[in-house]
Amino acid sequence: MVVLKYGVSDDPKNDAFLGFFDAITQPDWQDYEFDLDWTLHHRSVYEFAREARLLSETALAELAEIDAFWRAHPAEFERAFGDLIPRVDPATELEGWVEVETGRPVSIPPSHWWWRLPKDW
């Protein structure tokens, strides 16, 4: 069983870290780089919440919209997250975000495609 260390809401598009999901296509996207720092981490928290059946239908629909947007803009996704993704240690990256009951961080599962560059989707 996993323990979410960061909360989820019924409105992920308005949640602090996922709320800027569409900034990657804006000409001034770099103004939002700080806001994007934890976006992939937070997306994983929501995915673990989905797997635990903790999300409402509204939240699920918003996650689908976010994922569809990212997949529709692979070049922009890579521009925004391409420096981070290669540096990630999948075994420890979610430390402080999602843990097992013993307190050890959960490894990023292969199903969390947003932790890969678009060429690997």
N, C-alpha and C. Protein backbone atom coordinates (compact mmCIF):
# COMPACT_ATOMS: atom_id res chain seq x y z
N MET A 1 0.84 -1.18 0.00
CA MET A 1 0.00 0.00 0.00
C MET A 1 0.89 1.25 0.00
N VAL A 2 0.47 2.25 -0.76
CA VAL A 2 1.24 3.49 -0.83
C VAL A 2 0.59 4.57 0.03
N VAL A 3 1.42 5.50 0.45
CA VAL A 3 0.97 6.64 1.24
C VAL A 3 1.28 7.89 0.44
N LEU A 4 0.24 8.67 0.14
CA LEU A 4 0.42 9.93 -0.58
C LEU A 4 0.87 10.99 0.42
N LYS A 5 1.98 11.63 0.14
CA LYS A 5 2.52 12.65 1.03
C LYS A 5 2.09 14.05 0.61
N TYR A 6 1.41 14.12 -0.52
CA TYR A 6 0.90 15.40 -1.02
C TYR A 6 -0.54 15.17 -1.41
N GLY A 7 -1.41 16.07 -1.04
CA GLY A 7 -2.84 15.88 -1.26
C GLY A 7 -3.27 16.04 -2.71
N VAL A 8 -4.44 15.52 -3.00
CA VAL A 8 -5.06 15.65 -4.31
C VAL A 8 -6.40 16.34 -4.14
N SER A 9 -6.91 16.88 -5.23
CA SER A 9 -8.19 17.57 -5.18
C SER A 9 -9.11 17.05 -6.29
N ASP A 10 -10.34 17.48 -6.27
CA ASP A 10 -11.28 17.12 -7.33
C ASP A 10 -11.08 17.98 -8.58
N ASP A 11 -10.16 18.92 -8.51
CA ASP A 11 -9.93 19.86 -9.61
C ASP A 11 -8.43 19.97 -9.90
N PRO A 12 -7.81 18.90 -10.44
CA PRO A 12 -6.36 18.93 -10.64
C PRO A 12 -5.89 20.06 -11.55
N LYS A 13 -6.74 20.53 -12.47
CA LYS A 13 -6.32 21.62 -13.36
C LYS A 13 -6.10 22.93 -12.60
N ASN A 14 -6.70 23.05 -11.44
CA ASN A 14 -6.49 24.24 -10.62
C ASN A 14 -5.52 23.99 -9.48
N ASP A 15 -4.97 22.79 -9.41
CA ASP A 15 -4.02 22.47 -8.37
C ASP A 15 -2.69 23.14 -8.70
N ALA A 16 -1.98 23.56 -7.69
CA ALA A 16 -0.78 24.37 -7.87
C ALA A 16 0.18 23.83 -8.92
N PHE A 17 0.54 22.55 -8.84
CA PHE A 17 1.58 22.05 -9.73
C PHE A 17 1.04 21.61 -11.08
N LEU A 18 -0.18 21.13 -11.15
CA LEU A 18 -0.75 20.70 -12.43
C LEU A 18 -1.46 21.84 -13.15
N GLY A 19 -1.71 22.93 -12.46
CA GLY A 19 -2.45 24.05 -13.04
C GLY A 19 -1.75 24.72 -14.20
N PHE A 20 -0.48 24.47 -14.35
CA PHE A 20 0.29 25.10 -15.43
C PHE A 20 0.60 24.11 -16.55
N PHE A 21 -0.22 23.07 -16.66
CA PHE A 21 0.06 22.03 -17.65
C PHE A 21 0.12 22.58 -19.07
N ASP A 22 -0.65 23.62 -19.36
CA ASP A 22 -0.69 24.16 -20.72
C ASP A 22 0.35 25.26 -20.96
N ALA A 23 1.08 25.66 -19.93
CA ALA A 23 2.09 26.72 -20.09
C ALA A 23 3.19 26.30 -21.06
N ILE A 24 3.36 24.99 -21.27
CA ILE A 24 4.45 24.53 -22.12
C ILE A 24 4.32 25.03 -23.56
N THR A 25 3.12 25.42 -23.99
CA THR A 25 2.93 25.88 -25.37
C THR A 25 2.95 27.39 -25.50
N GLN A 26 3.08 28.09 -24.40
CA GLN A 26 3.06 29.55 -24.44
C GLN A 26 4.42 30.11 -24.85
N PRO A 27 4.42 31.23 -25.57
CA PRO A 27 5.71 31.81 -25.96
C PRO A 27 6.56 32.24 -24.76
N ASP A 28 5.91 32.55 -23.66
CA ASP A 28 6.64 32.95 -22.45
C ASP A 28 6.73 31.80 -21.44
N TRP A 29 6.78 30.57 -21.94
CA TRP A 29 6.74 29.39 -21.07
C TRP A 29 7.83 29.41 -20.00
N GLN A 30 8.96 30.02 -20.31
CA GLN A 30 10.05 30.04 -19.33
C GLN A 30 9.71 30.87 -18.10
N ASP A 31 8.75 31.77 -18.22
CA ASP A 31 8.29 32.51 -17.05
C ASP A 31 7.62 31.58 -16.04
N TYR A 32 7.22 30.40 -16.50
CA TYR A 32 6.52 29.44 -15.65
C TYR A 32 7.40 28.25 -15.25
N GLU A 33 8.67 28.29 -15.60
CA GLU A 33 9.55 27.16 -15.29
C GLU A 33 9.52 26.78 -13.82
N PHE A 34 9.53 27.78 -12.94
CA PHE A 34 9.48 27.49 -11.51
C PHE A 34 8.19 26.76 -11.15
N ASP A 35 7.08 27.14 -11.78
CA ASP A 35 5.80 26.51 -11.50
C ASP A 35 5.74 25.09 -12.04
N LEU A 36 6.58 24.76 -13.00
CA LEU A 36 6.60 23.42 -13.60
C LEU A 36 7.54 22.46 -12.87
N ASP A 37 8.31 22.97 -11.92
CA ASP A 37 9.34 22.15 -11.26
C ASP A 37 8.83 20.82 -10.72
N TRP A 38 7.66 20.80 -10.13
CA TRP A 38 7.16 19.60 -9.48
C TRP A 38 5.96 19.00 -10.20
N THR A 39 5.72 19.44 -11.42
CA THR A 39 4.54 19.00 -12.17
C THR A 39 4.51 17.49 -12.37
N LEU A 40 5.61 16.90 -12.79
CA LEU A 40 5.63 15.45 -13.06
C LEU A 40 5.47 14.66 -11.77
N HIS A 41 6.04 15.16 -10.70
CA HIS A 41 5.88 14.51 -9.40
C HIS A 41 4.40 14.50 -8.99
N HIS A 42 3.80 15.66 -9.16
CA HIS A 42 2.40 15.77 -8.77
C HIS A 42 1.50 14.92 -9.66
N ARG A 43 1.85 14.84 -10.93
CA ARG A 43 1.05 13.97 -11.82
C ARG A 43 1.13 12.52 -11.34
N SER A 44 2.29 12.10 -10.86
CA SER A 44 2.42 10.74 -10.32
C SER A 44 1.58 10.56 -9.06
N VAL A 45 1.54 11.57 -8.20
CA VAL A 45 0.69 11.48 -7.00
C VAL A 45 -0.75 11.22 -7.41
N TYR A 46 -1.22 11.98 -8.40
CA TYR A 46 -2.60 11.78 -8.87
C TYR A 46 -2.80 10.39 -9.45
N GLU A 47 -1.79 9.87 -10.11
CA GLU A 47 -1.93 8.53 -10.68
C GLU A 47 -2.03 7.47 -9.59
N PHE A 48 -1.24 7.61 -8.56
CA PHE A 48 -1.36 6.67 -7.43
C PHE A 48 -2.72 6.82 -6.75
N ALA A 49 -3.22 8.05 -6.67
CA ALA A 49 -4.56 8.26 -6.10
C ALA A 49 -5.62 7.61 -6.98
N ARG A 50 -5.43 7.68 -8.29
CA ARG A 50 -6.37 7.01 -9.21
C ARG A 50 -6.37 5.51 -8.95
N GLU A 51 -5.18 4.94 -8.86
CA GLU A 51 -5.07 3.49 -8.64
C GLU A 51 -5.70 3.07 -7.31
N ALA A 52 -5.70 3.98 -6.33
CA ALA A 52 -6.32 3.68 -5.04
C ALA A 52 -7.81 4.04 -5.03
N ARG A 53 -8.32 4.45 -6.18
CA ARG A 53 -9.73 4.82 -6.34
C ARG A 53 -10.14 5.97 -5.42
N LEU A 54 -9.25 6.96 -5.31
CA LEU A 54 -9.50 8.12 -4.46
C LEU A 54 -9.97 9.34 -5.23
N LEU A 55 -10.08 9.23 -6.56
CA LEU A 55 -10.40 10.40 -7.37
C LEU A 55 -11.85 10.38 -7.86
N SER A 56 -12.42 11.56 -7.94
CA SER A 56 -13.77 11.71 -8.46
C SER A 56 -13.76 11.61 -9.99
N GLU A 57 -14.92 11.49 -10.57
CA GLU A 57 -15.04 11.47 -12.03
C GLU A 57 -14.53 12.78 -12.63
N THR A 58 -14.76 13.88 -11.95
CA THR A 58 -14.27 15.19 -12.42
C THR A 58 -12.75 15.19 -12.47
N ALA A 59 -12.13 14.73 -11.41
CA ALA A 59 -10.67 14.68 -11.37
C ALA A 59 -10.13 13.77 -12.46
N LEU A 60 -10.74 12.63 -12.67
CA LEU A 60 -10.30 11.71 -13.71
C LEU A 60 -10.40 12.35 -15.09
N ALA A 61 -11.48 13.07 -15.33
CA ALA A 61 -11.65 13.75 -16.62
C ALA A 61 -10.59 14.83 -16.82
N GLU A 62 -10.28 15.56 -15.77
CA GLU A 62 -9.26 16.60 -15.88
C GLU A 62 -7.88 16.01 -16.11
N LEU A 63 -7.58 14.90 -15.47
CA LEU A 63 -6.29 14.23 -15.72
C LEU A 63 -6.20 13.76 -17.17
N ALA A 64 -7.30 13.24 -17.69
CA ALA A 64 -7.32 12.81 -19.09
C ALA A 64 -7.07 14.00 -20.02
N GLU A 65 -7.63 15.15 -19.68
CA GLU A 65 -7.42 16.35 -20.49
C GLU A 65 -5.96 16.80 -20.44
N ILE A 66 -5.38 16.78 -19.25
CA ILE A 66 -3.97 17.15 -19.10
C ILE A 66 -3.07 16.20 -19.91
N ASP A 67 -3.30 14.90 -19.75
CA ASP A 67 -2.49 13.92 -20.48
C ASP A 67 -2.65 14.07 -21.99
N ALA A 68 -3.87 14.28 -22.45
CA ALA A 68 -4.10 14.45 -23.89
C ALA A 68 -3.39 15.69 -24.40
N PHE A 69 -3.39 16.75 -23.61
CA PHE A 69 -2.70 17.98 -24.02
C PHE A 69 -1.21 17.73 -24.15
N TRP A 70 -0.62 17.09 -23.14
CA TRP A 70 0.82 16.82 -23.21
C TRP A 70 1.15 15.94 -24.40
N ARG A 71 0.36 14.92 -24.64
CA ARG A 71 0.63 14.01 -25.76
C ARG A 71 0.46 14.71 -27.10
N ALA A 72 -0.42 15.71 -27.15
CA ALA A 72 -0.64 16.46 -28.39
C ALA A 72 0.47 17.47 -28.66
N HIS A 73 1.31 17.72 -27.67
CA HIS A 73 2.39 18.71 -27.79
C HIS A 73 3.72 18.11 -27.33
N PRO A 74 4.19 17.06 -28.01
CA PRO A 74 5.41 16.38 -27.55
C PRO A 74 6.66 17.26 -27.59
N ALA A 75 6.79 18.10 -28.60
CA ALA A 75 8.00 18.94 -28.68
C ALA A 75 8.04 19.92 -27.52
N GLU A 76 6.89 20.50 -27.21
CA GLU A 76 6.83 21.45 -26.10
C GLU A 76 7.02 20.75 -24.76
N PHE A 77 6.47 19.54 -24.64
CA PHE A 77 6.66 18.75 -23.43
C PHE A 77 8.16 18.49 -23.22
N GLU A 78 8.82 18.09 -24.28
CA GLU A 78 10.26 17.81 -24.17
C GLU A 78 11.05 19.07 -23.83
N ARG A 79 10.65 20.19 -24.43
CA ARG A 79 11.34 21.45 -24.13
C ARG A 79 11.20 21.80 -22.65
N ALA A 80 10.01 21.58 -22.09
CA ALA A 80 9.75 21.95 -20.70
C ALA A 80 10.37 20.98 -19.70
N PHE A 81 10.36 19.68 -20.02
CA PHE A 81 10.78 18.67 -19.05
C PHE A 81 11.99 17.85 -19.49
N GLY A 82 12.50 18.12 -20.66
CA GLY A 82 13.58 17.32 -21.22
C GLY A 82 14.89 17.38 -20.46
N ASP A 83 15.14 18.46 -19.74
CA ASP A 83 16.36 18.54 -18.94
C ASP A 83 16.21 17.73 -17.65
N LEU A 84 15.01 17.68 -17.11
CA LEU A 84 14.77 16.98 -15.86
C LEU A 84 14.75 15.46 -16.04
N ILE A 85 14.02 15.00 -17.02
CA ILE A 85 13.75 13.57 -17.17
C ILE A 85 15.02 12.71 -17.21
N PRO A 86 16.05 13.05 -17.97
CA PRO A 86 17.25 12.20 -17.98
C PRO A 86 18.00 12.14 -16.65
N ARG A 87 17.78 13.13 -15.79
CA ARG A 87 18.49 13.17 -14.50
C ARG A 87 17.76 12.45 -13.38
N VAL A 88 16.57 11.98 -13.65
CA VAL A 88 15.72 11.36 -12.62
C VAL A 88 16.24 9.99 -12.22
N ASP A 89 16.24 9.73 -10.93
CA ASP A 89 16.49 8.38 -10.41
C ASP A 89 15.11 7.81 -10.08
N PRO A 90 14.60 6.89 -10.91
CA PRO A 90 13.24 6.37 -10.70
C PRO A 90 13.01 5.76 -9.33
N ALA A 91 14.06 5.28 -8.68
CA ALA A 91 13.91 4.64 -7.37
C ALA A 91 13.67 5.65 -6.24
N THR A 92 14.15 6.88 -6.41
CA THR A 92 14.07 7.84 -5.31
C THR A 92 13.37 9.15 -5.66
N GLU A 93 13.04 9.38 -6.90
CA GLU A 93 12.52 10.68 -7.33
C GLU A 93 11.23 11.09 -6.62
N LEU A 94 10.42 10.12 -6.23
CA LEU A 94 9.14 10.46 -5.58
C LEU A 94 9.24 10.55 -4.06
N GLU A 95 10.47 10.58 -3.54
CA GLU A 95 10.66 10.74 -2.10
C GLU A 95 9.99 12.02 -1.62
N GLY A 96 9.18 11.89 -0.58
CA GLY A 96 8.44 13.03 -0.07
C GLY A 96 7.11 13.25 -0.75
N TRP A 97 6.85 12.48 -1.80
CA TRP A 97 5.60 12.59 -2.56
C TRP A 97 4.72 11.35 -2.38
N VAL A 98 5.33 10.18 -2.58
CA VAL A 98 4.61 8.91 -2.45
C VAL A 98 5.57 7.92 -1.80
N GLU A 99 5.09 7.25 -0.76
CA GLU A 99 5.94 6.30 -0.05
C GLU A 99 5.17 5.01 0.21
N VAL A 100 5.91 3.96 0.50
CA VAL A 100 5.29 2.74 0.99
C VAL A 100 5.10 2.94 2.50
N GLU A 101 4.37 2.05 3.12
CA GLU A 101 4.04 2.20 4.54
C GLU A 101 5.28 2.31 5.44
N THR A 102 6.40 1.76 5.00
CA THR A 102 7.63 1.82 5.81
C THR A 102 8.34 3.16 5.69
N GLY A 103 7.86 4.05 4.81
CA GLY A 103 8.47 5.36 4.62
C GLY A 103 9.43 5.44 3.47
N ARG A 104 9.70 4.32 2.82
CA ARG A 104 10.59 4.29 1.65
C ARG A 104 9.84 4.87 0.45
N PRO A 105 10.51 5.68 -0.39
CA PRO A 105 9.82 6.21 -1.56
C PRO A 105 9.42 5.11 -2.53
N VAL A 106 8.34 5.35 -3.23
CA VAL A 106 7.87 4.42 -4.25
C VAL A 106 8.64 4.69 -5.54
N SER A 107 9.05 3.66 -6.22
CA SER A 107 9.71 3.82 -7.52
C SER A 107 8.68 4.27 -8.56
N ILE A 108 9.14 5.01 -9.54
CA ILE A 108 8.26 5.43 -10.62
C ILE A 108 7.92 4.22 -11.48
N PRO A 109 6.64 3.87 -11.57
CA PRO A 109 6.26 2.72 -12.38
C PRO A 109 6.38 3.01 -13.88
N PRO A 110 6.59 1.99 -14.69
CA PRO A 110 6.66 2.18 -16.15
C PRO A 110 5.39 2.81 -16.73
N SER A 111 4.26 2.62 -16.06
CA SER A 111 3.00 3.18 -16.57
C SER A 111 2.95 4.70 -16.46
N HIS A 112 3.83 5.31 -15.71
CA HIS A 112 3.87 6.77 -15.59
C HIS A 112 4.70 7.34 -16.75
N TRP A 113 4.09 7.34 -17.91
CA TRP A 113 4.76 7.69 -19.16
C TRP A 113 5.34 9.10 -19.16
N TRP A 114 4.81 10.02 -18.37
CA TRP A 114 5.28 11.41 -18.34
C TRP A 114 6.69 11.53 -17.80
N TRP A 115 7.24 10.46 -17.26
CA TRP A 115 8.63 10.46 -16.81
C TRP A 115 9.58 10.03 -17.93
N ARG A 116 9.06 9.88 -19.12
CA ARG A 116 9.90 9.53 -20.27
C ARG A 116 9.82 10.66 -21.31
N LEU A 117 10.83 10.76 -22.11
CA LEU A 117 10.82 11.72 -23.22
C LEU A 117 9.80 11.26 -24.26
N PRO A 118 9.21 12.17 -24.99
CA PRO A 118 8.17 11.80 -25.96
C PRO A 118 8.56 10.71 -26.95
N LYS A 119 9.83 10.63 -27.34
CA LYS A 119 10.24 9.59 -28.29
C LYS A 119 10.04 8.19 -27.69
N ASP A 120 9.93 8.11 -26.36
CA ASP A 120 9.78 6.82 -25.67
C ASP A 120 8.35 6.55 -25.20
N TRP A 121 7.41 7.41 -25.59
CA TRP A 121 6.01 7.17 -25.22
C TRP A 121 5.49 6.02 -26.04
